[in-house]
PDB file of N, CA and C in Angstrom:
ATOM      1  N   MET A   1      99.748-102.316 -79.148  1.00  0.00           N
ATOM      2  CA  MET A   1      99.100-101.032 -79.223  1.00  0.00           C
ATOM      3  C   MET A   1     100.094 -99.973 -79.698  1.00  0.00           C
ATOM      4  N   ALA A   2     101.318-100.026 -79.225  1.00  0.00           N
ATOM      5  CA  ALA A   2     102.329 -99.047 -79.598  1.00  0.00           C
ATOM      6  C   ALA A   2     102.746 -99.201 -81.058  1.00  0.00           C
ATOM      7  N   GLN A   3     102.482-100.361 -81.663  1.00  0.00           N
ATOM      8  CA  GLN A   3     102.859-100.604 -83.053  1.00  0.00           C
ATOM      9  C   GLN A   3     101.715-100.337 -84.017  1.00  0.00           C
ATOM     10  N   GLY A   4     100.606 -99.771 -83.517  1.00  0.00           N
ATOM     11  CA  GLY A   4      99.471 -99.450 -84.385  1.00  0.00           C
ATOM     12  C   GLY A   4      98.513-100.595 -84.597  1.00  0.00           C
ATOM     13  N   GLY A   5      98.590-101.627 -83.781  1.00  0.00           N
ATOM     14  CA  GLY A   5      97.685-102.759 -83.912  1.00  0.00           C
ATOM     15  C   GLY A   5      96.373-102.515 -83.190  1.00  0.00           C
ATOM     16  N   LYS A   6      95.481-103.489 -83.304  1.00  0.00           N
ATOM     17  CA  LYS A   6      94.209-103.404 -82.587  1.00  0.00           C
ATOM     18  C   LYS A   6      93.895-104.759 -81.976  1.00  0.00           C
ATOM     19  N   GLY A   7      93.092-104.750 -80.916  1.00  0.00           N
ATOM     20  CA  GLY A   7      92.718-106.005 -80.289  1.00  0.00           C
ATOM     21  C   GLY A   7      92.412-105.851 -78.816  1.00  0.00           C
ATOM     22  N   PRO A   8      92.166-106.966 -78.144  1.00  0.00           N
ATOM     23  CA  PRO A   8      91.855-106.960 -76.710  1.00  0.00           C
ATOM     24  C   PRO A   8      93.087-107.308 -75.883  1.00  0.00           C
ATOM     25  N   GLY A   9      92.973-107.105 -74.588  1.00  0.00           N
ATOM     26  CA  GLY A   9      94.039-107.473 -73.673  1.00  0.00           C
ATOM     27  C   GLY A   9      93.572-107.371 -72.237  1.00  0.00           C
ATOM     28  N   THR A  10      94.412-107.778 -71.322  1.00  0.00           N
ATOM     29  CA  THR A  10      94.108-107.661 -69.895  1.00  0.00           C
ATOM     30  C   THR A  10      95.356-107.177 -69.172  1.00  0.00           C
ATOM     31  N   PHE A  11      95.138-106.515 -68.059  1.00  0.00           N
ATOM     32  CA  PHE A  11      96.234-106.108 -67.202  1.00  0.00           C
ATOM     33  C   PHE A  11      95.727-106.015 -65.776  1.00  0.00           C
ATOM     34  N   THR A  12      96.636-106.100 -64.825  1.00  0.00           N
ATOM     35  CA  THR A  12      96.301-106.072 -63.408  1.00  0.00           C
ATOM     36  C   THR A  12      96.917-104.848 -62.767  1.00  0.00           C
ATOM     37  N   ILE A  13      96.123-104.175 -61.933  1.00  0.00           N
ATOM     38  CA  ILE A  13      96.587-102.975 -61.237  1.00  0.00           C
ATOM     39  C   ILE A  13      96.393-103.191 -59.743  1.00  0.00           C
ATOM     40  N   ASN A  14      97.386-102.812 -58.967  1.00  0.00           N
ATOM     41  CA  ASN A  14      97.244-102.790 -57.513  1.00  0.00           C
ATOM     42  C   ASN A  14      96.698-101.420 -57.126  1.00  0.00           C
ATOM     43  N   ASP A  15      95.593-101.410 -56.410  1.00  0.00           N
ATOM     44  CA  ASP A  15      94.963-100.164 -56.005  1.00  0.00           C
ATOM     45  C   ASP A  15      95.758 -99.561 -54.854  1.00  0.00           C
ATOM     46  N   ALA A  16      96.467 -98.458 -55.121  1.00  0.00           N
ATOM     47  CA  ALA A  16      97.323 -97.831 -54.111  1.00  0.00           C
ATOM     48  C   ALA A  16      96.493 -97.133 -53.032  1.00  0.00           C
ATOM     49  N   ARG A  17      95.256 -96.771 -53.342  1.00  0.00           N
ATOM     50  CA  ARG A  17      94.416 -96.068 -52.367  1.00  0.00           C
ATOM     51  C   ARG A  17      93.906 -96.993 -51.272  1.00  0.00           C
ATOM     52  N   ALA A  18      93.712 -98.255 -51.592  1.00  0.00           N
ATOM     53  CA  ALA A  18      93.191 -99.213 -50.618  1.00  0.00           C
ATOM     54  C   ALA A  18      94.367 -99.978 -50.005  1.00  0.00           C
ATOM     55  N   GLU A  19      94.526 -99.852 -48.707  1.00  0.00           N
ATOM     56  CA  GLU A  19      95.606-100.573 -48.033  1.00  0.00           C
ATOM     57  C   GLU A  19      95.285-102.066 -47.992  1.00  0.00           C
ATOM     58  N   GLY A  20      96.216-102.857 -48.437  1.00  0.00           N
ATOM     59  CA  GLY A  20      96.013-104.301 -48.431  1.00  0.00           C
ATOM     60  C   GLY A  20      94.975-104.754 -49.438  1.00  0.00           C
ATOM     61  N   GLY A  21      94.596-103.865 -50.359  1.00  0.00           N
ATOM     62  CA  GLY A  21      93.597-104.223 -51.364  1.00  0.00           C
ATOM     63  C   GLY A  21      94.140-105.236 -52.348  1.00  0.00           C
ATOM     64  N   SER A  22      93.270-106.052 -52.850  1.00  0.00           N
ATOM     65  CA  SER A  22      93.701-107.066 -53.807  1.00  0.00           C
ATOM     66  C   SER A  22      93.886-106.425 -55.185  1.00  0.00           C
ATOM     67  N   PRO A  23      94.709-107.030 -56.020  1.00  0.00           N
ATOM     68  CA  PRO A  23      94.902-106.503 -57.370  1.00  0.00           C
ATOM     69  C   PRO A  23      93.589-106.562 -58.162  1.00  0.00           C
ATOM     70  N   VAL A  24      93.389-105.583 -59.004  1.00  0.00           N
ATOM     71  CA  VAL A  24      92.173-105.500 -59.809  1.00  0.00           C
ATOM     72  C   VAL A  24      92.541-105.821 -61.252  1.00  0.00           C
ATOM     73  N   ARG A  25      91.863-106.820 -61.812  1.00  0.00           N
ATOM     74  CA  ARG A  25      92.101-107.199 -63.202  1.00  0.00           C
ATOM     75  C   ARG A  25      91.230-106.325 -64.098  1.00  0.00           C
ATOM     76  N   ASN A  26      91.820-105.789 -65.155  1.00  0.00           N
ATOM     77  CA  ASN A  26      91.117-104.936 -66.103  1.00  0.00           C
ATOM     78  C   ASN A  26      91.166-105.548 -67.496  1.00  0.00           C
ATOM     79  N   HIS A  27      90.108-105.336 -68.252  1.00  0.00           N
ATOM     80  CA  HIS A  27      90.051-105.766 -69.646  1.00  0.00           C
ATOM     81  C   HIS A  27      90.128-104.510 -70.505  1.00  0.00           C
ATOM     82  N   VAL A  28      90.887-104.585 -71.572  1.00  0.00           N
ATOM     83  CA  VAL A  28      91.100-103.419 -72.432  1.00  0.00           C
ATOM     84  C   VAL A  28      90.908-103.819 -73.896  1.00  0.00           C
ATOM     85  N   VAL A  29      90.353-102.887 -74.667  1.00  0.00           N
ATOM     86  CA  VAL A  29      90.238-103.025 -76.115  1.00  0.00           C
ATOM     87  C   VAL A  29      90.908-101.795 -76.705  1.00  0.00           C
ATOM     88  N   PHE A  30      91.751-101.985 -77.707  1.00  0.00           N
ATOM     89  CA  PHE A  30      92.461-100.848 -78.287  1.00  0.00           C
ATOM     90  C   PHE A  30      92.445-100.920 -79.801  1.00  0.00           C
ATOM     91  N   MET A  31      92.541 -99.734 -80.436  1.00  0.00           N
ATOM     92  CA  MET A  31      92.583 -99.637 -81.897  1.00  0.00           C
ATOM     93  C   MET A  31      93.235 -98.322 -82.292  1.00  0.00           C
ATOM     94  N   PRO A  32      93.884 -98.302 -83.456  1.00  0.00           N
ATOM     95  CA  PRO A  32      94.531 -97.060 -83.899  1.00  0.00           C
ATOM     96  C   PRO A  32      93.530 -96.120 -84.568  1.00  0.00           C
ATOM     97  N   ILE A  33      93.731 -94.827 -84.370  1.00  0.00           N
ATOM     98  CA  ILE A  33      92.950 -93.798 -85.037  1.00  0.00           C
ATOM     99  C   ILE A  33      93.923 -93.067 -85.964  1.00  0.00           C
ATOM    100  N   SER A  34      93.643 -93.095 -87.263  1.00  0.00           N
ATOM    101  CA  SER A  34      94.554 -92.485 -88.240  1.00  0.00           C
ATOM    102  C   SER A  34      94.491 -90.964 -88.160  1.00  0.00           C
ATOM    103  N   LEU A  35      95.643 -90.351 -88.245  1.00  0.00           N
ATOM    104  CA  LEU A  35      95.772 -88.892 -88.260  1.00  0.00           C
ATOM    105  C   LEU A  35      96.446 -88.475 -89.558  1.00  0.00           C
ATOM    106  N   PRO A  36      96.295 -87.220 -89.957  1.00  0.00           N
ATOM    107  CA  PRO A  36      96.962 -86.758 -91.188  1.00  0.00           C
ATOM    108  C   PRO A  36      98.480 -86.901 -91.075  1.00  0.00           C
ATOM    109  N   GLY A  37      99.119 -87.126 -92.196  1.00  0.00           N
ATOM    110  CA  GLY A  37     100.572 -87.247 -92.232  1.00  0.00           C
ATOM    111  C   GLY A  37     101.074 -88.636 -91.904  1.00  0.00           C
ATOM    112  N   GLY A  38     100.195 -89.643 -91.937  1.00  0.00           N
ATOM    113  CA  GLY A  38     100.604 -91.012 -91.668  1.00  0.00           C
ATOM    114  C   GLY A  38     100.799 -91.321 -90.191  1.00  0.00           C
ATOM    115  N   ASN A  39     100.373 -90.437 -89.328  1.00  0.00           N
ATOM    116  CA  ASN A  39     100.476 -90.672 -87.895  1.00  0.00           C
ATOM    117  C   ASN A  39      99.198 -91.329 -87.371  1.00  0.00           C
ATOM    118  N   TYR A  40      99.255 -91.801 -86.139  1.00  0.00           N
ATOM    119  CA  TYR A  40      98.065 -92.386 -85.516  1.00  0.00           C
ATOM    120  C   TYR A  40      98.143 -92.199 -84.008  1.00  0.00           C
ATOM    121  N   TRP A  41      96.982 -92.265 -83.419  1.00  0.00           N
ATOM    122  CA  TRP A  41      96.852 -92.357 -81.967  1.00  0.00           C
ATOM    123  C   TRP A  41      96.246 -93.713 -81.673  1.00  0.00           C
ATOM    124  N   SER A  42      96.608 -94.289 -80.586  1.00  0.00           N
ATOM    125  CA  SER A  42      95.975 -95.538 -80.167  1.00  0.00           C
ATOM    126  C   SER A  42      94.925 -95.207 -79.122  1.00  0.00           C
ATOM    127  N   LEU A  43      93.703 -95.587 -79.421  1.00  0.00           N
ATOM    128  CA  LEU A  43      92.587 -95.376 -78.506  1.00  0.00           C
ATOM    129  C   LEU A  43      92.374 -96.668 -77.723  1.00  0.00           C
ATOM    130  N   ALA A  44      92.369 -96.569 -76.406  1.00  0.00           N
ATOM    131  CA  ALA A  44      92.192 -97.753 -75.550  1.00  0.00           C
ATOM    132  C   ALA A  44      91.086 -97.484 -74.550  1.00  0.00           C
ATOM    133  N   VAL A  45      90.234 -98.484 -74.360  1.00  0.00           N
ATOM    134  CA  VAL A  45      89.165 -98.416 -73.366  1.00  0.00           C
ATOM    135  C   VAL A  45      89.378 -99.570 -72.395  1.00  0.00           C
ATOM    136  N   ALA A  46      89.592 -99.240 -71.132  1.00  0.00           N
ATOM    137  CA  ALA A  46      89.839-100.257 -70.104  1.00  0.00           C
ATOM    138  C   ALA A  46      88.707-100.233 -69.089  1.00  0.00           C
ATOM    139  N   THR A  47      88.262-101.417 -68.674  1.00  0.00           N
ATOM    140  CA  THR A  47      87.174-101.547 -67.713  1.00  0.00           C
ATOM    141  C   THR A  47      87.533-102.636 -66.707  1.00  0.00           C
ATOM    142  N   PRO A  48      87.278-102.403 -65.416  1.00  0.00           N
ATOM    143  CA  PRO A  48      87.538-103.448 -64.413  1.00  0.00           C
ATOM    144  C   PRO A  48      86.698-104.699 -64.681  1.00  0.00           C
ATOM    145  N   GLU A  49      87.287-105.844 -64.351  1.00  0.00           N
ATOM    146  CA  GLU A  49      86.617-107.118 -64.617  1.00  0.00           C
ATOM    147  C   GLU A  49      85.273-107.217 -63.906  1.00  0.00           C
ATOM    148  N   GLN A  50      85.187-106.703 -62.685  1.00  0.00           N
ATOM    149  CA  GLN A  50      83.916-106.751 -61.940  1.00  0.00           C
ATOM    150  C   GLN A  50      82.804-106.061 -62.722  1.00  0.00           C
ATOM    151  N   GLN A  51      83.128-104.942 -63.348  1.00  0.00           N
ATOM    152  CA  GLN A  51      82.127-104.190 -64.092  1.00  0.00           C
ATOM    153  C   GLN A  51      81.747-104.914 -65.379  1.00  0.00           C
ATOM    154  N   VAL A  52      82.709-105.555 -66.019  1.00  0.00           N
ATOM    155  CA  VAL A  52      82.430-106.308 -67.243  1.00  0.00           C
ATOM    156  C   VAL A  52      81.505-107.483 -66.933  1.00  0.00           C
ATOM    157  N   LEU A  53      81.795-108.194 -65.841  1.00  0.00           N
ATOM    158  CA  LEU A  53      81.015-109.380 -65.501  1.00  0.00           C
ATOM    159  C   LEU A  53      79.676-109.052 -64.844  1.00  0.00           C
ATOM    160  N   ALA A  54      79.486-107.828 -64.361  1.00  0.00           N
ATOM    161  CA  ALA A  54      78.238-107.464 -63.682  1.00  0.00           C
ATOM    162  C   ALA A  54      77.039-107.607 -64.610  1.00  0.00           C
ATOM    163  N   ASN A  55      77.169-107.197 -65.868  1.00  0.00           N
ATOM    164  CA  ASN A  55      76.053-107.310 -66.807  1.00  0.00           C
ATOM    165  C   ASN A  55      75.711-108.767 -67.086  1.00  0.00           C
ATOM    166  N   MET A  56      76.734-109.601 -67.240  1.00  0.00           N
ATOM    167  CA  MET A  56      76.479-111.016 -67.492  1.00  0.00           C
ATOM    168  C   MET A  56      75.845-111.683 -66.275  1.00  0.00           C
ATOM    169  N   THR A  57      76.278-111.322 -65.095  1.00  0.00           N
ATOM    170  CA  THR A  57      75.716-111.884 -63.869  1.00  0.00           C
ATOM    171  C   THR A  57      74.263-111.460 -63.716  1.00  0.00           C
ATOM    172  N   SER A  58      73.978-110.204 -63.982  1.00  0.00           N
ATOM    173  CA  SER A  58      72.606-109.711 -63.893  1.00  0.00           C
ATOM    174  C   SER A  58      71.711-110.429 -64.907  1.00  0.00           C
ATOM    175  N   PHE A  59      72.202-110.608 -66.133  1.00  0.00           N
ATOM    176  CA  PHE A  59      71.430-111.320 -67.159  1.00  0.00           C
ATOM    177  C   PHE A  59      71.170-112.756 -66.743  1.00  0.00           C
ATOM    178  N   ARG A  60      72.206-113.425 -66.211  1.00  0.00           N
ATOM    179  CA  ARG A  60      72.042-114.818 -65.782  1.00  0.00           C
ATOM    180  C   ARG A  60      70.993-114.937 -64.683  1.00  0.00           C
ATOM    181  N   ASN A  61      71.056-114.035 -63.695  1.00  0.00           N
ATOM    182  CA  ASN A  61      70.098-114.091 -62.596  1.00  0.00           C
ATOM    183  C   ASN A  61      68.674-113.841 -63.074  1.00  0.00           C
ATOM    184  N   THR A  62      68.510-112.874 -63.973  1.00  0.00           N
ATOM    185  CA  THR A  62      67.178-112.591 -64.515  1.00  0.00           C
ATOM    186  C   THR A  62      66.676-113.773 -65.334  1.00  0.00           C
ATOM    187  N   TRP A  63      67.549-114.344 -66.150  1.00  0.00           N
ATOM    188  CA  TRP A  63      67.166-115.489 -66.981  1.00  0.00           C
ATOM    189  C   TRP A  63      66.749-116.679 -66.112  1.00  0.00           C
ATOM    190  N   LEU A  64      67.486-116.950 -65.043  1.00  0.00           N
ATOM    191  CA  LEU A  64      67.115-118.047 -64.155  1.00  0.00           C
ATOM    192  C   LEU A  64      65.766-117.794 -63.483  1.00  0.00           C
ATOM    193  N   LEU A  65      65.516-116.572 -63.047  1.00  0.00           N
ATOM    194  CA  LEU A  65      64.245-116.225 -62.424  1.00  0.00           C
ATOM    195  C   LEU A  65      63.093-116.440 -63.401  1.00  0.00           C
ATOM    196  N   VAL A  66      63.234-115.973 -64.623  1.00  0.00           N
ATOM    197  CA  VAL A  66      62.188-116.135 -65.633  1.00  0.00           C
ATOM    198  C   VAL A  66      61.986-117.613 -65.949  1.00  0.00           C
ATOM    199  N   THR A  67      63.071-118.370 -66.073  1.00  0.00           N
ATOM    200  CA  THR A  67      62.966-119.796 -66.391  1.00  0.00           C
ATOM    201  C   THR A  67      62.253-120.572 -65.294  1.00  0.00           C
ATOM    202  N   PHE A  68      62.646-120.346 -64.040  1.00  0.00           N
ATOM    203  CA  PHE A  68      61.997-121.066 -62.944  1.00  0.00           C
ATOM    204  C   PHE A  68      60.541-120.650 -62.765  1.00  0.00           C
ATOM    205  N   THR A  69      60.234-119.395 -63.005  1.00  0.00           N
ATOM    206  CA  THR A  69      58.843-118.941 -62.937  1.00  0.00           C
ATOM    207  C   THR A  69      58.016-119.614 -64.030  1.00  0.00           C
ATOM    208  N   ALA A  70      58.539-119.671 -65.237  1.00  0.00           N
ATOM    209  CA  ALA A  70      57.823-120.326 -66.339  1.00  0.00           C
ATOM    210  C   ALA A  70      57.631-121.816 -66.051  1.00  0.00           C
ATOM    211  N   MET A  71      58.657-122.459 -65.501  1.00  0.00           N
ATOM    212  CA  MET A  71      58.528-123.877 -65.162  1.00  0.00           C
ATOM    213  C   MET A  71      57.467-124.076 -64.085  1.00  0.00           C
ATOM    214  N   GLY A  72      57.403-123.196 -63.110  1.00  0.00           N
ATOM    215  CA  GLY A  72      56.384-123.283 -62.064  1.00  0.00           C
ATOM    216  C   GLY A  72      54.986-123.133 -62.629  1.00  0.00           C
ATOM    217  N   VAL A  73      54.817-122.189 -63.546  1.00  0.00           N
ATOM    218  CA  VAL A  73      53.499-121.980 -64.169  1.00  0.00           C
ATOM    219  C   VAL A  73      53.105-123.207 -64.981  1.00  0.00           C
ATOM    220  N   VAL A  74      54.036-123.758 -65.739  1.00  0.00           N
ATOM    221  CA  VAL A  74      53.730-124.954 -66.541  1.00  0.00           C
ATOM    222  C   VAL A  74      53.373-126.131 -65.640  1.00  0.00           C
ATOM    223  N   LEU A  75      54.097-126.312 -64.543  1.00  0.00           N
ATOM    224  CA  LEU A  75      53.781-127.408 -63.618  1.00  0.00           C
ATOM    225  C   LEU A  75      52.402-127.220 -62.982  1.00  0.00           C
ATOM    226  N   ALA A  76      52.092-125.986 -62.585  1.00  0.00           N
ATOM    227  CA  ALA A  76      50.781-125.716 -61.982  1.00  0.00           C
ATOM    228  C   ALA A  76      49.664-125.972 -62.987  1.00  0.00           C
ATOM    229  N   LEU A  77      49.838-125.510 -64.209  1.00  0.00           N
ATOM    230  CA  LEU A  77      48.819-125.755 -65.237  1.00  0.00           C
ATOM    231  C   LEU A  77      48.680-127.239 -65.543  1.00  0.00           C
ATOM    232  N   SER A  78      49.787-127.970 -65.565  1.00  0.00           N
ATOM    233  CA  SER A  78      49.729-129.419 -65.798  1.00  0.00           C
ATOM    234  C   SER A  78      48.971-130.115 -64.675  1.00  0.00           C
ATOM    235  N   PHE A  79      49.231-129.706 -63.440  1.00  0.00           N
ATOM    236  CA  PHE A  79      48.536-130.287 -62.296  1.00  0.00           C
ATOM    237  C   PHE A  79      47.032-130.068 -62.419  1.00  0.00           C
ATOM    238  N   PHE A  80      46.619-128.842 -62.720  1.00  0.00           N
ATOM    239  CA  PHE A  80      45.187-128.554 -62.829  1.00  0.00           C
ATOM    240  C   PHE A  80      44.559-129.252 -64.022  1.00  0.00           C
ATOM    241  N   LEU A  81      45.277-129.400 -65.110  1.00  0.00           N
ATOM    242  CA  LEU A  81      44.756-130.120 -66.282  1.00  0.00           C
ATOM    243  C   LEU A  81      44.541-131.587 -65.948  1.00  0.00           C
ATOM    244  N   ILE A  82      45.523-132.220 -65.320  1.00  0.00           N
ATOM    245  CA  ILE A  82      45.394-133.639 -64.952  1.00  0.00           C
ATOM    246  C   ILE A  82      44.261-133.811 -63.949  1.00  0.00           C
ATOM    247  N   ARG A  83      44.158-132.893 -62.993  1.00  0.00           N
ATOM    248  CA  ARG A  83      43.094-132.977 -61.988  1.00  0.00           C
ATOM    249  C   ARG A  83      41.707-132.847 -62.630  1.00  0.00           C
ATOM    250  N   SER A  84      41.554-131.903 -63.557  1.00  0.00           N
ATOM    251  CA  SER A  84      40.246-131.722 -64.192  1.00  0.00           C
ATOM    252  C   SER A  84      39.897-132.913 -65.080  1.00  0.00           C
ATOM    253  N   ARG A  85      40.874-133.502 -65.756  1.00  0.00           N
ATOM    254  CA  ARG A  85      40.598-134.688 -66.585  1.00  0.00           C
ATOM    255  C   ARG A  85      40.196-135.879 -65.709  1.00  0.00           C
ATOM    256  N   THR A  86      40.879-136.014 -64.565  1.00  0.00           N
ATOM    257  CA  THR A  86      40.544-137.103 -63.642  1.00  0.00           C
ATOM    258  C   THR A  86      39.126-136.926 -63.110  1.00  0.00           C
ATOM    259  N   LEU A  87      38.783-135.718 -62.699  1.00  0.00           N
ATOM    260  CA  LEU A  87      37.427-135.459 -62.200  1.00  0.00           C
ATOM    261  C   LEU A  87      36.383-135.685 -63.282  1.00  0.00           C
ATOM    262  N   ALA A  88      36.697-135.290 -64.517  1.00  0.00           N
ATOM    263  CA  ALA A  88      35.748-135.483 -65.619  1.00  0.00           C
ATOM    264  C   ALA A  88      35.540-136.966 -65.902  1.00  0.00           C
ATOM    265  N   SER A  89      36.626-137.743 -65.861  1.00  0.00           N
ATOM    266  CA  SER A  89      36.472-139.185 -66.128  1.00  0.00           C
ATOM    267  C   SER A  89      35.722-139.876 -64.992  1.00  0.00           C
ATOM    268  N   GLU A  90      35.932-139.433 -63.729  1.00  0.00           N
ATOM    269  CA  GLU A  90      35.176-140.008 -62.614  1.00  0.00           C
ATOM    270  C   GLU A  90      33.692-139.654 -62.711  1.00  0.00           C
ATOM    271  N   LYS A  91      33.413-138.425 -63.123  1.00  0.00           N
ATOM    272  CA  LYS A  91      32.019-138.003 -63.284  1.00  0.00           C
ATOM    273  C   LYS A  91      31.348-138.823 -64.379  1.00  0.00           C
ATOM    274  N   LYS A  92      32.102-139.075 -65.448  1.00  0.00           N
ATOM    275  CA  LYS A  92      31.562-139.844 -66.567  1.00  0.00           C
ATOM    276  C   LYS A  92      31.274-141.287 -66.125  1.00  0.00           C
ATOM    277  N   LYS A  93      32.169-141.863 -65.296  1.00  0.00           N
ATOM    278  CA  LYS A  93      31.974-143.239 -64.803  1.00  0.00           C
ATOM    279  C   LYS A  93      30.747-143.308 -63.897  1.00  0.00           C
ATOM    280  N   THR A  94      30.587-142.326 -62.985  1.00  0.00           N
ATOM    281  CA  THR A  94      29.436-142.352 -62.079  1.00  0.00           C
ATOM    282  C   THR A  94      28.135-142.095 -62.833  1.00  0.00           C
ATOM    283  N   ALA A  95      28.176-141.326 -63.902  1.00  0.00           N
ATOM    284  CA  ALA A  95      26.972-141.070 -64.699  1.00  0.00           C
ATOM    285  C   ALA A  95      26.602-142.316 -65.491  1.00  0.00           C
ATOM    286  N   ALA A  96      27.581-143.102 -65.903  1.00  0.00           N
ATOM    287  CA  ALA A  96      27.320-144.322 -66.667  1.00  0.00           C
ATOM    288  C   ALA A  96      26.764-145.427 -65.761  1.00  0.00           C
ATOM    289  N   ASP A  97      27.075-145.407 -64.485  1.00  0.00           N
ATOM    290  CA  ASP A  97      26.609-146.465 -63.566  1.00  0.00           C
ATOM    291  C   ASP A  97      25.217-146.211 -63.183  1.00  0.00           C
TER     292      ASP A  97
END
């Protein structure tokens, strides 16, 4: 970052406010911003790992809920389809006798 490069990185910070708190891992993305005269500033955005993973965890949980609900609906519809076909074939057999 100090050499004007861009890219991702990680770093760990010990939270001084929390006594005995565990270190917090942060993810950072940085890139240079060009300024007049050939100078630059490095812009960096850092976010705690818990916050980065929260969106993925929420998406995974929602996706699993939707998937299991869809599977339940398909199983229920399959059960009723098989049941109605069985009843129809039994009715047809009794009508033929």
